[in-house]
Amino acid sequence: MDTVKLTMMDSNVIIFSNVENYPEHKAAVTKIEELAKNNKLVVNLIIVSEVFHKLFRILSLEEAYKRTSALLESETVCYTLNFATFIDFF
């Protein structure tokens, strides 16, 4: 059985990666791509909420919904309500 490395994502990195005119955009995208190669990226309810709220304020309701949905549907990102739920996932 292969060992899976878990990396909890910070909402700011996700937000920066979704807003092209932010100065941190390129660095955030690069970091996420780098981490996704060898890790399972993890988000929880608070992170998803923060991402949706900020993208709604910066972009629009439709874009926030589309981008947050893409995050949750991504094969490189796991969503968990709590750590025990996440452990059961594997």
PDB file of N, CA and C in Angstrom:
ATOM      1  N   MET A   1       0.841  -1.192   0.000  1.00  0.00           N
ATOM      2  CA  MET A   1       0.000   0.000   0.000  1.00  0.00           C
ATOM      3  C   MET A   1       0.881   1.248   0.000  1.00  0.00           C
ATOM      4  N   ASP A   2       0.601   2.169  -0.889  1.00  0.00           N
ATOM      5  CA  ASP A   2       1.362   3.405  -0.978  1.00  0.00           C
ATOM      6  C   ASP A   2       0.964   4.361   0.139  1.00  0.00           C
ATOM      7  N   THR A   3       1.937   5.108   0.612  1.00  0.00           N
ATOM      8  CA  THR A   3       1.671   6.119   1.619  1.00  0.00           C
ATOM      9  C   THR A   3       1.153   7.376   0.922  1.00  0.00           C
ATOM     10  N   VAL A   4       0.093   7.927   1.476  1.00  0.00           N
ATOM     11  CA  VAL A   4      -0.489   9.147   0.932  1.00  0.00           C
ATOM     12  C   VAL A   4      -0.121  10.300   1.847  1.00  0.00           C
ATOM     13  N   LYS A   5       0.482  11.328   1.281  1.00  0.00           N
ATOM     14  CA  LYS A   5       0.792  12.529   2.042  1.00  0.00           C
ATOM     15  C   LYS A   5      -0.414  13.454   1.980  1.00  0.00           C
ATOM     16  N   LEU A   6      -0.824  13.952   3.118  1.00  0.00           N
ATOM     17  CA  LEU A   6      -1.961  14.863   3.201  1.00  0.00           C
ATOM     18  C   LEU A   6      -1.458  16.281   3.436  1.00  0.00           C
ATOM     19  N   THR A   7      -1.990  17.213   2.675  1.00  0.00           N
ATOM     20  CA  THR A   7      -1.621  18.618   2.836  1.00  0.00           C
ATOM     21  C   THR A   7      -2.893  19.444   2.927  1.00  0.00           C
ATOM     22  N   MET A   8      -3.104  20.056   4.092  1.00  0.00           N
ATOM     23  CA  MET A   8      -4.271  20.916   4.284  1.00  0.00           C
ATOM     24  C   MET A   8      -4.033  22.216   3.539  1.00  0.00           C
ATOM     25  N   MET A   9      -4.980  22.568   2.691  1.00  0.00           N
ATOM     26  CA  MET A   9      -4.880  23.796   1.897  1.00  0.00           C
ATOM     27  C   MET A   9      -5.364  24.991   2.715  1.00  0.00           C
ATOM     28  N   ASP A  10      -4.694  26.098   2.555  1.00  0.00           N
ATOM     29  CA  ASP A  10      -5.137  27.349   3.155  1.00  0.00           C
ATOM     30  C   ASP A  10      -6.046  28.065   2.161  1.00  0.00           C
ATOM     31  N   SER A  11      -7.091  28.671   2.650  1.00  0.00           N
ATOM     32  CA  SER A  11      -8.046  29.334   1.755  1.00  0.00           C
ATOM     33  C   SER A  11      -7.392  30.437   0.920  1.00  0.00           C
ATOM     34  N   ASN A  12      -6.424  31.146   1.487  1.00  0.00           N
ATOM     35  CA  ASN A  12      -5.786  32.224   0.736  1.00  0.00           C
ATOM     36  C   ASN A  12      -5.073  31.711  -0.509  1.00  0.00           C
ATOM     37  N   VAL A  13      -4.408  30.575  -0.406  1.00  0.00           N
ATOM     38  CA  VAL A  13      -3.714  30.012  -1.563  1.00  0.00           C
ATOM     39  C   VAL A  13      -4.722  29.663  -2.654  1.00  0.00           C
ATOM     40  N   ILE A  14      -5.840  29.110  -2.263  1.00  0.00           N
ATOM     41  CA  ILE A  14      -6.884  28.750  -3.239  1.00  0.00           C
ATOM     42  C   ILE A  14      -7.460  30.019  -3.872  1.00  0.00           C
ATOM     43  N   ILE A  15      -7.724  31.017  -3.064  1.00  0.00           N
ATOM     44  CA  ILE A  15      -8.264  32.286  -3.570  1.00  0.00           C
ATOM     45  C   ILE A  15      -7.263  32.940  -4.525  1.00  0.00           C
ATOM     46  N   PHE A  16      -6.008  33.031  -4.115  1.00  0.00           N
ATOM     47  CA  PHE A  16      -4.980  33.633  -4.981  1.00  0.00           C
ATOM     48  C   PHE A  16      -4.891  32.896  -6.314  1.00  0.00           C
ATOM     49  N   SER A  17      -5.031  31.576  -6.281  1.00  0.00           N
ATOM     50  CA  SER A  17      -4.920  30.800  -7.520  1.00  0.00           C
ATOM     51  C   SER A  17      -6.112  31.016  -8.453  1.00  0.00           C
ATOM     52  N   ASN A  18      -7.195  31.540  -7.919  1.00  0.00           N
ATOM     53  CA  ASN A  18      -8.415  31.750  -8.711  1.00  0.00           C
ATOM     54  C   ASN A  18      -8.618  33.177  -9.185  1.00  0.00           C
ATOM     55  N   VAL A  19      -7.792  34.095  -8.729  1.00  0.00           N
ATOM     56  CA  VAL A  19      -7.953  35.501  -9.113  1.00  0.00           C
ATOM     57  C   VAL A  19      -6.691  35.922  -9.870  1.00  0.00           C
ATOM     58  N   GLU A  20      -6.820  35.947 -11.189  1.00  0.00           N
ATOM     59  CA  GLU A  20      -5.670  36.142 -12.069  1.00  0.00           C
ATOM     60  C   GLU A  20      -4.946  37.471 -11.877  1.00  0.00           C
ATOM     61  N   ASN A  21      -5.653  38.518 -11.447  1.00  0.00           N
ATOM     62  CA  ASN A  21      -4.999  39.823 -11.314  1.00  0.00           C
ATOM     63  C   ASN A  21      -4.373  40.044  -9.930  1.00  0.00           C
ATOM     64  N   TYR A  22      -4.392  39.044  -9.059  1.00  0.00           N
ATOM     65  CA  TYR A  22      -3.687  39.149  -7.782  1.00  0.00           C
ATOM     66  C   TYR A  22      -2.199  38.926  -8.020  1.00  0.00           C
ATOM     67  N   PRO A  23      -1.326  39.680  -7.358  1.00  0.00           N
ATOM     68  CA  PRO A  23       0.113  39.485  -7.541  1.00  0.00           C
ATOM     69  C   PRO A  23       0.582  38.080  -7.134  1.00  0.00           C
ATOM     70  N   GLU A  24      -0.139  37.452  -6.214  1.00  0.00           N
ATOM     71  CA  GLU A  24       0.233  36.122  -5.716  1.00  0.00           C
ATOM     72  C   GLU A  24      -0.271  34.985  -6.601  1.00  0.00           C
ATOM     73  N   HIS A  25      -1.009  35.318  -7.652  1.00  0.00           N
ATOM     74  CA  HIS A  25      -1.673  34.300  -8.480  1.00  0.00           C
ATOM     75  C   HIS A  25      -0.703  33.239  -9.006  1.00  0.00           C
ATOM     76  N   LYS A  26       0.327  33.652  -9.680  1.00  0.00           N
ATOM     77  CA  LYS A  26       1.243  32.694 -10.308  1.00  0.00           C
ATOM     78  C   LYS A  26       1.917  31.797  -9.265  1.00  0.00           C
ATOM     79  N   ALA A  27       2.362  32.382  -8.173  1.00  0.00           N
ATOM     80  CA  ALA A  27       3.018  31.606  -7.110  1.00  0.00           C
ATOM     81  C   ALA A  27       2.047  30.594  -6.494  1.00  0.00           C
ATOM     82  N   ALA A  28       0.791  31.001  -6.316  1.00  0.00           N
ATOM     83  CA  ALA A  28      -0.214  30.096  -5.747  1.00  0.00           C
ATOM     84  C   ALA A  28      -0.497  28.925  -6.683  1.00  0.00           C
ATOM     85  N   VAL A  29      -0.654  29.211  -7.961  1.00  0.00           N
ATOM     86  CA  VAL A  29      -0.903  28.147  -8.948  1.00  0.00           C
ATOM     87  C   VAL A  29       0.278  27.183  -8.989  1.00  0.00           C
ATOM     88  N   THR A  30       1.472  27.717  -9.012  1.00  0.00           N
ATOM     89  CA  THR A  30       2.679  26.889  -9.045  1.00  0.00           C
ATOM     90  C   THR A  30       2.767  26.004  -7.808  1.00  0.00           C
ATOM     91  N   LYS A  31       2.491  26.556  -6.641  1.00  0.00           N
ATOM     92  CA  LYS A  31       2.569  25.804  -5.393  1.00  0.00           C
ATOM     93  C   LYS A  31       1.527  24.691  -5.354  1.00  0.00           C
ATOM     94  N   ILE A  32       0.316  24.985  -5.781  1.00  0.00           N
ATOM     95  CA  ILE A  32      -0.731  23.958  -5.792  1.00  0.00           C
ATOM     96  C   ILE A  32      -0.353  22.834  -6.750  1.00  0.00           C
ATOM     97  N   GLU A  33       0.134  23.176  -7.930  1.00  0.00           N
ATOM     98  CA  GLU A  33       0.543  22.155  -8.895  1.00  0.00           C
ATOM     99  C   GLU A  33       1.675  21.298  -8.338  1.00  0.00           C
ATOM    100  N   GLU A  34       2.629  21.939  -7.685  1.00  0.00           N
ATOM    101  CA  GLU A  34       3.763  21.231  -7.095  1.00  0.00           C
ATOM    102  C   GLU A  34       3.289  20.269  -6.004  1.00  0.00           C
ATOM    103  N   LEU A  35       2.443  20.752  -5.105  1.00  0.00           N
ATOM    104  CA  LEU A  35       1.941  19.919  -4.011  1.00  0.00           C
ATOM    105  C   LEU A  35       1.064  18.770  -4.513  1.00  0.00           C
ATOM    106  N   ALA A  36       0.276  19.025  -5.532  1.00  0.00           N
ATOM    107  CA  ALA A  36      -0.660  18.019  -6.040  1.00  0.00           C
ATOM    108  C   ALA A  36       0.063  16.821  -6.666  1.00  0.00           C
ATOM    109  N   LYS A  37       1.307  16.998  -7.059  1.00  0.00           N
ATOM    110  CA  LYS A  37       2.062  15.895  -7.656  1.00  0.00           C
ATOM    111  C   LYS A  37       2.305  14.762  -6.673  1.00  0.00           C
ATOM    112  N   ASN A  38       2.546  15.097  -5.402  1.00  0.00           N
ATOM    113  CA  ASN A  38       2.930  14.094  -4.408  1.00  0.00           C
ATOM    114  C   ASN A  38       2.056  14.069  -3.161  1.00  0.00           C
ATOM    115  N   ASN A  39       0.959  14.788  -3.188  1.00  0.00           N
ATOM    116  CA  ASN A  39       0.120  14.901  -1.994  1.00  0.00           C
ATOM    117  C   ASN A  39      -1.350  14.821  -2.366  1.00  0.00           C
ATOM    118  N   LYS A  40      -2.165  14.448  -1.397  1.00  0.00           N
ATOM    119  CA  LYS A  40      -3.609  14.598  -1.505  1.00  0.00           C
ATOM    120  C   LYS A  40      -3.916  15.906  -0.780  1.00  0.00           C
ATOM    121  N   LEU A  41      -4.501  16.858  -1.486  1.00  0.00           N
ATOM    122  CA  LEU A  41      -4.809  18.156  -0.903  1.00  0.00           C
ATOM    123  C   LEU A  41      -6.138  18.068  -0.177  1.00  0.00           C
ATOM    124  N   VAL A  42      -6.206  18.663   1.004  1.00  0.00           N
ATOM    125  CA  VAL A  42      -7.371  18.531   1.872  1.00  0.00           C
ATOM    126  C   VAL A  42      -7.966  19.900   2.163  1.00  0.00           C
ATOM    127  N   VAL A  43      -9.292  19.978   2.104  1.00  0.00           N
ATOM    128  CA  VAL A  43     -10.026  21.172   2.525  1.00  0.00           C
ATOM    129  C   VAL A  43     -11.138  20.739   3.471  1.00  0.00           C
ATOM    130  N   ASN A  44     -11.549  21.655   4.332  1.00  0.00           N
ATOM    131  CA  ASN A  44     -12.675  21.377   5.213  1.00  0.00           C
ATOM    132  C   ASN A  44     -13.764  22.429   4.991  1.00  0.00           C
ATOM    133  N   LEU A  45     -14.823  22.344   5.756  1.00  0.00           N
ATOM    134  CA  LEU A  45     -15.969  23.236   5.599  1.00  0.00           C
ATOM    135  C   LEU A  45     -15.588  24.707   5.735  1.00  0.00           C
ATOM    136  N   ILE A  46     -14.732  25.027   6.685  1.00  0.00           N
ATOM    137  CA  ILE A  46     -14.338  26.424   6.898  1.00  0.00           C
ATOM    138  C   ILE A  46     -13.579  26.955   5.686  1.00  0.00           C
ATOM    139  N   ILE A  47     -12.661  26.171   5.173  1.00  0.00           N
ATOM    140  CA  ILE A  47     -11.876  26.607   4.014  1.00  0.00           C
ATOM    141  C   ILE A  47     -12.780  26.812   2.800  1.00  0.00           C
ATOM    142  N   VAL A  48     -13.667  25.870   2.546  1.00  0.00           N
ATOM    143  CA  VAL A  48     -14.583  25.991   1.409  1.00  0.00           C
ATOM    144  C   VAL A  48     -15.463  27.226   1.568  1.00  0.00           C
ATOM    145  N   SER A  49     -15.945  27.467   2.775  1.00  0.00           N
ATOM    146  CA  SER A  49     -16.767  28.655   3.054  1.00  0.00           C
ATOM    147  C   SER A  49     -16.005  29.941   2.791  1.00  0.00           C
ATOM    148  N   GLU A  50     -14.779  30.003   3.273  1.00  0.00           N
ATOM    149  CA  GLU A  50     -13.958  31.197   3.072  1.00  0.00           C
ATOM    150  C   GLU A  50     -13.689  31.435   1.586  1.00  0.00           C
ATOM    151  N   VAL A  51     -13.363  30.366   0.860  1.00  0.00           N
ATOM    152  CA  VAL A  51     -13.090  30.488  -0.572  1.00  0.00           C
ATOM    153  C   VAL A  51     -14.334  30.992  -1.296  1.00  0.00           C
ATOM    154  N   PHE A  52     -15.480  30.377  -1.028  1.00  0.00           N
ATOM    155  CA  PHE A  52     -16.710  30.785  -1.707  1.00  0.00           C
ATOM    156  C   PHE A  52     -17.043  32.247  -1.405  1.00  0.00           C
ATOM    157  N   HIS A  53     -16.986  32.613  -0.133  1.00  0.00           N
ATOM    158  CA  HIS A  53     -17.340  33.983   0.261  1.00  0.00           C
ATOM    159  C   HIS A  53     -16.428  35.006  -0.418  1.00  0.00           C
ATOM    160  N   LYS A  54     -15.130  34.763  -0.388  1.00  0.00           N
ATOM    161  CA  LYS A  54     -14.189  35.729  -0.966  1.00  0.00           C
ATOM    162  C   LYS A  54     -14.330  35.798  -2.489  1.00  0.00           C
ATOM    163  N   LEU A  55     -14.478  34.645  -3.148  1.00  0.00           N
ATOM    164  CA  LEU A  55     -14.652  34.665  -4.604  1.00  0.00           C
ATOM    165  C   LEU A  55     -15.963  35.348  -4.996  1.00  0.00           C
ATOM    166  N   PHE A  56     -17.001  35.184  -4.189  1.00  0.00           N
ATOM    167  CA  PHE A  56     -18.270  35.874  -4.429  1.00  0.00           C
ATOM    168  C   PHE A  56     -18.072  37.385  -4.356  1.00  0.00           C
ATOM    169  N   ARG A  57     -17.325  37.835  -3.345  1.00  0.00           N
ATOM    170  CA  ARG A  57     -17.089  39.273  -3.174  1.00  0.00           C
ATOM    171  C   ARG A  57     -16.199  39.846  -4.283  1.00  0.00           C
ATOM    172  N   ILE A  58     -15.226  39.071  -4.734  1.00  0.00           N
ATOM    173  CA  ILE A  58     -14.275  39.561  -5.736  1.00  0.00           C
ATOM    174  C   ILE A  58     -14.814  39.401  -7.150  1.00  0.00           C
ATOM    175  N   LEU A  59     -15.419  38.260  -7.439  1.00  0.00           N
ATOM    176  CA  LEU A  59     -15.827  37.939  -8.813  1.00  0.00           C
ATOM    177  C   LEU A  59     -17.332  38.090  -8.984  1.00  0.00           C
ATOM    178  N   SER A  60     -18.064  37.035  -8.714  1.00  0.00           N
ATOM    179  CA  SER A  60     -19.528  37.060  -8.806  1.00  0.00           C
ATOM    180  C   SER A  60     -20.064  35.786  -8.169  1.00  0.00           C
ATOM    181  N   LEU A  61     -21.353  35.739  -7.948  1.00  0.00           N
ATOM    182  CA  LEU A  61     -21.970  34.539  -7.389  1.00  0.00           C
ATOM    183  C   LEU A  61     -21.749  33.347  -8.311  1.00  0.00           C
ATOM    184  N   GLU A  62     -21.950  33.557  -9.602  1.00  0.00           N
ATOM    185  CA  GLU A  62     -21.806  32.465 -10.563  1.00  0.00           C
ATOM    186  C   GLU A  62     -20.379  31.933 -10.602  1.00  0.00           C
ATOM    187  N   GLU A  63     -19.402  32.832 -10.631  1.00  0.00           N
ATOM    188  CA  GLU A  63     -18.001  32.408 -10.662  1.00  0.00           C
ATOM    189  C   GLU A  63     -17.602  31.729  -9.354  1.00  0.00           C
ATOM    190  N   ALA A  64     -18.069  32.255  -8.238  1.00  0.00           N
ATOM    191  CA  ALA A  64     -17.763  31.640  -6.940  1.00  0.00           C
ATOM    192  C   ALA A  64     -18.309  30.219  -6.893  1.00  0.00           C
ATOM    193  N   TYR A  65     -19.538  30.047  -7.342  1.00  0.00           N
ATOM    194  CA  TYR A  65     -20.154  28.720  -7.357  1.00  0.00           C
ATOM    195  C   TYR A  65     -19.385  27.778  -8.285  1.00  0.00           C
ATOM    196  N   LYS A  66     -19.078  28.245  -9.486  1.00  0.00           N
ATOM    197  CA  LYS A  66     -18.378  27.419 -10.468  1.00  0.00           C
ATOM    198  C   LYS A  66     -17.000  26.985  -9.959  1.00  0.00           C
ATOM    199  N   ARG A  67     -16.252  27.923  -9.419  1.00  0.00           N
ATOM    200  CA  ARG A  67     -14.884  27.629  -8.987  1.00  0.00           C
ATOM    201  C   ARG A  67     -14.839  26.817  -7.706  1.00  0.00           C
ATOM    202  N   THR A  68     -15.765  27.070  -6.786  1.00  0.00           N
ATOM    203  CA  THR A  68     -15.821  26.273  -5.558  1.00  0.00           C
ATOM    204  C   THR A  68     -16.279  24.857  -5.873  1.00  0.00           C
ATOM    205  N   SER A  69     -17.224  24.713  -6.773  1.00  0.00           N
ATOM    206  CA  SER A  69     -17.665  23.379  -7.202  1.00  0.00           C
ATOM    207  C   SER A  69     -16.520  22.613  -7.848  1.00  0.00           C
ATOM    208  N   ALA A  70     -15.743  23.280  -8.682  1.00  0.00           N
ATOM    209  CA  ALA A  70     -14.592  22.634  -9.330  1.00  0.00           C
ATOM    210  C   ALA A  70     -13.581  22.158  -8.285  1.00  0.00           C
ATOM    211  N   LEU A  71     -13.385  22.958  -7.249  1.00  0.00           N
ATOM    212  CA  LEU A  71     -12.490  22.570  -6.165  1.00  0.00           C
ATOM    213  C   LEU A  71     -12.978  21.282  -5.504  1.00  0.00           C
ATOM    214  N   LEU A  72     -14.262  21.236  -5.188  1.00  0.00           N
ATOM    215  CA  LEU A  72     -14.822  20.068  -4.507  1.00  0.00           C
ATOM    216  C   LEU A  72     -14.880  18.831  -5.403  1.00  0.00           C
ATOM    217  N   GLU A  73     -14.964  19.024  -6.705  1.00  0.00           N
ATOM    218  CA  GLU A  73     -15.031  17.903  -7.636  1.00  0.00           C
ATOM    219  C   GLU A  73     -13.654  17.449  -8.123  1.00  0.00           C
ATOM    220  N   SER A  74     -12.629  18.165  -7.759  1.00  0.00           N
ATOM    221  CA  SER A  74     -11.273  17.857  -8.200  1.00  0.00           C
ATOM    222  C   SER A  74     -10.825  16.505  -7.647  1.00  0.00           C
ATOM    223  N   GLU A  75     -10.091  15.770  -8.465  1.00  0.00           N
ATOM    224  CA  GLU A  75      -9.561  14.482  -8.023  1.00  0.00           C
ATOM    225  C   GLU A  75      -8.340  14.635  -7.126  1.00  0.00           C
ATOM    226  N   THR A  76      -7.745  15.808  -7.090  1.00  0.00           N
ATOM    227  CA  THR A  76      -6.563  16.015  -6.250  1.00  0.00           C
ATOM    228  C   THR A  76      -6.912  16.626  -4.894  1.00  0.00           C
ATOM    229  N   VAL A  77      -8.176  16.964  -4.686  1.00  0.00           N
ATOM    230  CA  VAL A  77      -8.596  17.589  -3.437  1.00  0.00           C
ATOM    231  C   VAL A  77      -9.620  16.709  -2.738  1.00  0.00           C
ATOM    232  N   CYS A  78      -9.406  16.505  -1.437  1.00  0.00           N
ATOM    233  CA  CYS A  78     -10.363  15.771  -0.599  1.00  0.00           C
ATOM    234  C   CYS A  78     -11.066  16.775   0.302  1.00  0.00           C
ATOM    235  N   TYR A  79     -12.360  16.580   0.450  1.00  0.00           N
ATOM    236  CA  TYR A  79     -13.159  17.405   1.359  1.00  0.00           C
ATOM    237  C   TYR A  79     -13.486  16.573   2.576  1.00  0.00           C
ATOM    238  N   THR A  80     -13.325  17.132   3.745  1.00  0.00           N
ATOM    239  CA  THR A  80     -13.661  16.415   4.968  1.00  0.00           C
ATOM    240  C   THR A  80     -14.374  17.334   5.952  1.00  0.00           C
ATOM    241  N   LEU A  81     -15.317  16.764   6.684  1.00  0.00           N
ATOM    242  CA  LEU A  81     -15.984  17.519   7.753  1.00  0.00           C
ATOM    243  C   LEU A  81     -15.104  17.547   8.984  1.00  0.00           C
ATOM    244  N   ASN A  82     -14.410  16.449   9.229  1.00  0.00           N
ATOM    245  CA  ASN A  82     -13.483  16.373  10.353  1.00  0.00           C
ATOM    246  C   ASN A  82     -12.450  15.297  10.066  1.00  0.00           C
ATOM    247  N   PHE A  83     -11.431  15.229  10.891  1.00  0.00           N
ATOM    248  CA  PHE A  83     -10.331  14.306  10.625  1.00  0.00           C
ATOM    249  C   PHE A  83     -10.789  12.852  10.642  1.00  0.00           C
ATOM    250  N   ALA A  84     -11.676  12.485  11.560  1.00  0.00           N
ATOM    251  CA  ALA A  84     -12.157  11.103  11.635  1.00  0.00           C
ATOM    252  C   ALA A  84     -12.871  10.698  10.347  1.00  0.00           C
ATOM    253  N   THR A  85     -13.659  11.590   9.781  1.00  0.00           N
ATOM    254  CA  THR A  85     -14.338  11.316   8.524  1.00  0.00           C
ATOM    255  C   THR A  85     -13.318  11.113   7.421  1.00  0.00           C
ATOM    256  N   PHE A  86     -12.274  11.913   7.432  1.00  0.00           N
ATOM    257  CA  PHE A  86     -11.237  11.813   6.409  1.00  0.00           C
ATOM    258  C   PHE A  86     -10.515  10.476   6.480  1.00  0.00           C
ATOM    259  N   ILE A  87     -10.186  10.025   7.682  1.00  0.00           N
ATOM    260  CA  ILE A  87      -9.497   8.748   7.853  1.00  0.00           C
ATOM    261  C   ILE A  87     -10.360   7.617   7.297  1.00  0.00           C
ATOM    262  N   ASP A  88     -11.668   7.665   7.512  1.00  0.00           N
ATOM    263  CA  ASP A  88     -12.572   6.643   6.995  1.00  0.00           C
ATOM    264  C   ASP A  88     -12.597   6.630   5.472  1.00  0.00           C
ATOM    265  N   PHE A  89     -12.290   7.772   4.851  1.00  0.00           N
ATOM    266  CA  PHE A  89     -12.273   7.880   3.395  1.00  0.00           C
ATOM    267  C   PHE A  89     -11.245   6.933   2.803  1.00  0.00           C
ATOM    268  N   PHE A  90     -10.105   6.786   3.478  1.00  0.00           N
ATOM    269  CA  PHE A  90      -9.042   5.907   3.008  1.00  0.00           C
ATOM    270  C   PHE A  90      -9.246   4.554   3.591  1.00  0.00           C
TER     271      PHE A  90
END
